[in-house]
Amino acid sequence: GIAKTGSGKTAAFVLPMIVHIMDQPELEKGEGPIAVIVAPTRELSEQIHKETRKFSKPYGGDTANSDFTS
């Protein structure tokens, strides 16, 4: 079956990724990326970006300043 919208699919991979990112030392110029998410459609990548911004706030993350290309 297909999991319903809002069932936590994005959180299942984004939360461990955010924890991993936060555990890394600060990147130097020219280093990175630490993580990459690939999505099959622009709509899905925008949805993942929106959810990731919400999930990263408690960790002090700011994906608004990260490179995001869809």
N, C-alpha and C. Protein backbone atom coordinates (compact mmCIF):
# COMPACT_ATOMS: atom_id res chain seq x y z
N GLY A 1 0.81 -1.19 0.00
CA GLY A 1 0.00 0.00 0.00
C GLY A 1 0.85 1.25 0.00
N ILE A 2 0.20 2.35 -0.13
CA ILE A 2 0.86 3.65 -0.13
C ILE A 2 0.50 4.37 1.16
N ALA A 3 1.53 4.85 1.85
CA ALA A 3 1.30 5.57 3.12
C ALA A 3 0.63 6.90 2.83
N LYS A 4 -0.28 7.29 3.71
CA LYS A 4 -1.03 8.52 3.55
C LYS A 4 -0.15 9.74 3.82
N THR A 5 -0.56 10.87 3.27
CA THR A 5 0.10 12.14 3.54
C THR A 5 0.03 12.43 5.03
N GLY A 6 1.15 12.91 5.58
CA GLY A 6 1.16 13.23 7.00
C GLY A 6 1.45 12.05 7.90
N SER A 7 1.86 10.93 7.31
CA SER A 7 2.10 9.72 8.12
C SER A 7 3.51 9.65 8.69
N GLY A 8 4.34 10.64 8.40
CA GLY A 8 5.69 10.66 8.98
C GLY A 8 6.78 10.12 8.09
N LYS A 9 6.48 9.91 6.81
CA LYS A 9 7.50 9.39 5.90
C LYS A 9 8.70 10.32 5.82
N THR A 10 8.46 11.62 5.67
CA THR A 10 9.56 12.57 5.58
C THR A 10 10.36 12.59 6.87
N ALA A 11 9.70 12.62 7.99
CA ALA A 11 10.37 12.65 9.29
C ALA A 11 11.24 11.41 9.48
N ALA A 12 10.83 10.29 8.93
CA ALA A 12 11.56 9.04 9.11
C ALA A 12 12.98 9.11 8.56
N PHE A 13 13.21 9.87 7.51
CA PHE A 13 14.58 9.99 7.01
C PHE A 13 15.20 11.35 7.30
N VAL A 14 14.39 12.39 7.47
CA VAL A 14 14.94 13.73 7.70
C VAL A 14 15.47 13.89 9.13
N LEU A 15 14.77 13.39 10.13
CA LEU A 15 15.23 13.57 11.51
C LEU A 15 16.60 12.92 11.76
N PRO A 16 16.83 11.67 11.35
CA PRO A 16 18.17 11.11 11.52
C PRO A 16 19.23 11.89 10.72
N MET A 17 18.86 12.41 9.56
CA MET A 17 19.80 13.19 8.76
C MET A 17 20.17 14.48 9.48
N ILE A 18 19.18 15.16 10.09
CA ILE A 18 19.45 16.40 10.82
C ILE A 18 20.37 16.13 12.00
N VAL A 19 20.12 15.05 12.74
CA VAL A 19 20.99 14.69 13.86
C VAL A 19 22.41 14.45 13.36
N HIS A 20 22.55 13.74 12.26
CA HIS A 20 23.88 13.48 11.68
C HIS A 20 24.57 14.79 11.30
N ILE A 21 23.84 15.69 10.66
CA ILE A 21 24.40 16.98 10.25
C ILE A 21 24.87 17.77 11.45
N MET A 22 24.05 17.80 12.50
CA MET A 22 24.38 18.59 13.69
C MET A 22 25.60 18.02 14.43
N ASP A 23 25.88 16.73 14.24
CA ASP A 23 27.03 16.10 14.88
C ASP A 23 28.34 16.35 14.13
N GLN A 24 28.28 16.94 12.96
CA GLN A 24 29.48 17.17 12.15
C GLN A 24 30.16 18.47 12.55
N PRO A 25 31.49 18.54 12.40
CA PRO A 25 32.17 19.82 12.64
C PRO A 25 31.76 20.83 11.56
N GLU A 26 31.91 22.11 11.87
CA GLU A 26 31.58 23.17 10.93
C GLU A 26 32.36 22.96 9.62
N LEU A 27 31.70 23.10 8.50
CA LEU A 27 32.36 22.92 7.22
C LEU A 27 33.24 24.11 6.89
N GLU A 28 34.36 23.82 6.28
CA GLU A 28 35.25 24.86 5.77
C GLU A 28 34.81 25.19 4.34
N LYS A 29 35.25 26.34 3.86
CA LYS A 29 34.91 26.75 2.50
C LYS A 29 35.36 25.67 1.51
N GLY A 30 34.46 25.30 0.63
CA GLY A 30 34.75 24.29 -0.38
C GLY A 30 34.44 22.87 0.05
N GLU A 31 34.07 22.66 1.31
CA GLU A 31 33.70 21.34 1.79
C GLU A 31 32.19 21.14 1.66
N GLY A 32 31.79 19.89 1.70
CA GLY A 32 30.37 19.58 1.71
C GLY A 32 29.89 19.12 0.35
N PRO A 33 28.67 18.74 0.25
CA PRO A 33 27.61 18.78 1.26
C PRO A 33 27.72 17.61 2.24
N ILE A 34 27.05 17.74 3.36
CA ILE A 34 27.00 16.66 4.34
C ILE A 34 25.88 15.69 3.98
N ALA A 35 24.80 16.21 3.44
CA ALA A 35 23.66 15.36 3.09
C ALA A 35 23.02 15.87 1.80
N VAL A 36 22.45 14.94 1.05
CA VAL A 36 21.75 15.29 -0.19
C VAL A 36 20.44 14.51 -0.21
N ILE A 37 19.37 15.19 -0.55
CA ILE A 37 18.07 14.53 -0.73
C ILE A 37 17.71 14.65 -2.20
N VAL A 38 17.35 13.55 -2.81
CA VAL A 38 16.94 13.54 -4.21
C VAL A 38 15.48 13.12 -4.26
N ALA A 39 14.68 13.92 -4.96
CA ALA A 39 13.24 13.62 -5.09
C ALA A 39 12.88 13.61 -6.57
N PRO A 40 11.89 12.80 -6.95
CA PRO A 40 11.55 12.67 -8.36
C PRO A 40 10.79 13.85 -8.96
N THR A 41 10.20 14.71 -8.13
CA THR A 41 9.43 15.83 -8.68
C THR A 41 9.74 17.10 -7.91
N ARG A 42 9.51 18.23 -8.57
CA ARG A 42 9.70 19.52 -7.92
C ARG A 42 8.74 19.67 -6.74
N GLU A 43 7.51 19.24 -6.90
CA GLU A 43 6.52 19.35 -5.84
C GLU A 43 6.96 18.60 -4.60
N LEU A 44 7.47 17.38 -4.79
CA LEU A 44 7.92 16.60 -3.64
C LEU A 44 9.16 17.23 -3.01
N SER A 45 10.07 17.74 -3.80
CA SER A 45 11.26 18.38 -3.22
C SER A 45 10.88 19.62 -2.43
N GLU A 46 9.90 20.38 -2.91
CA GLU A 46 9.44 21.56 -2.16
C GLU A 46 8.77 21.14 -0.85
N GLN A 47 7.99 20.06 -0.88
CA GLN A 47 7.34 19.55 0.33
C GLN A 47 8.40 19.09 1.33
N ILE A 48 9.41 18.37 0.88
CA ILE A 48 10.48 17.90 1.76
C ILE A 48 11.22 19.08 2.36
N HIS A 49 11.50 20.10 1.55
CA HIS A 49 12.19 21.29 2.04
C HIS A 49 11.38 21.97 3.13
N LYS A 50 10.08 22.12 2.90
CA LYS A 50 9.20 22.76 3.89
C LYS A 50 9.20 21.98 5.20
N GLU A 51 9.07 20.67 5.12
CA GLU A 51 9.05 19.84 6.32
C GLU A 51 10.41 19.86 7.02
N THR A 52 11.48 19.83 6.26
CA THR A 52 12.83 19.84 6.83
C THR A 52 13.08 21.14 7.60
N ARG A 53 12.61 22.25 7.08
CA ARG A 53 12.75 23.52 7.79
C ARG A 53 12.06 23.46 9.15
N LYS A 54 10.86 22.86 9.19
CA LYS A 54 10.13 22.73 10.46
C LYS A 54 10.89 21.83 11.43
N PHE A 55 11.36 20.69 10.94
CA PHE A 55 12.04 19.72 11.79
C PHE A 55 13.38 20.25 12.30
N SER A 56 14.05 21.10 11.54
CA SER A 56 15.40 21.54 11.92
C SER A 56 15.40 22.68 12.94
N LYS A 57 14.29 23.37 13.11
CA LYS A 57 14.24 24.50 14.05
C LYS A 57 14.65 24.13 15.47
N PRO A 58 14.16 23.03 16.06
CA PRO A 58 14.57 22.70 17.42
C PRO A 58 16.07 22.40 17.56
N TYR A 59 16.71 22.05 16.45
CA TYR A 59 18.13 21.73 16.47
C TYR A 59 18.99 22.96 16.17
N GLY A 60 18.34 24.10 15.98
CA GLY A 60 19.08 25.32 15.66
C GLY A 60 19.48 25.37 14.21
N GLY A 61 18.93 24.49 13.40
CA GLY A 61 19.27 24.45 11.99
C GLY A 61 18.53 25.52 11.22
N ASP A 62 19.15 25.97 10.15
CA ASP A 62 18.54 26.98 9.29
C ASP A 62 18.74 26.58 7.84
N THR A 63 17.82 25.75 7.33
CA THR A 63 17.95 25.34 5.95
C THR A 63 17.61 26.46 4.99
N ALA A 64 17.07 27.56 5.52
CA ALA A 64 16.76 28.69 4.65
C ALA A 64 18.02 29.27 4.03
N ASN A 65 19.15 29.12 4.71
CA ASN A 65 20.41 29.63 4.20
C ASN A 65 21.23 28.56 3.50
N SER A 66 20.70 27.37 3.38
CA SER A 66 21.43 26.31 2.72
C SER A 66 21.17 26.36 1.22
N ASP A 67 22.02 25.69 0.48
CA ASP A 67 21.81 25.61 -0.97
C ASP A 67 20.64 24.67 -1.20
N PHE A 68 19.64 25.16 -1.90
CA PHE A 68 18.48 24.33 -2.19
C PHE A 68 18.11 24.55 -3.64
N THR A 69 18.24 23.51 -4.42
CA THR A 69 17.90 23.59 -5.83
C THR A 69 16.89 22.50 -6.13
N SER A 70 15.80 22.90 -6.74
CA SER A 70 14.81 21.88 -7.12
C SER A 70 14.58 21.92 -8.61
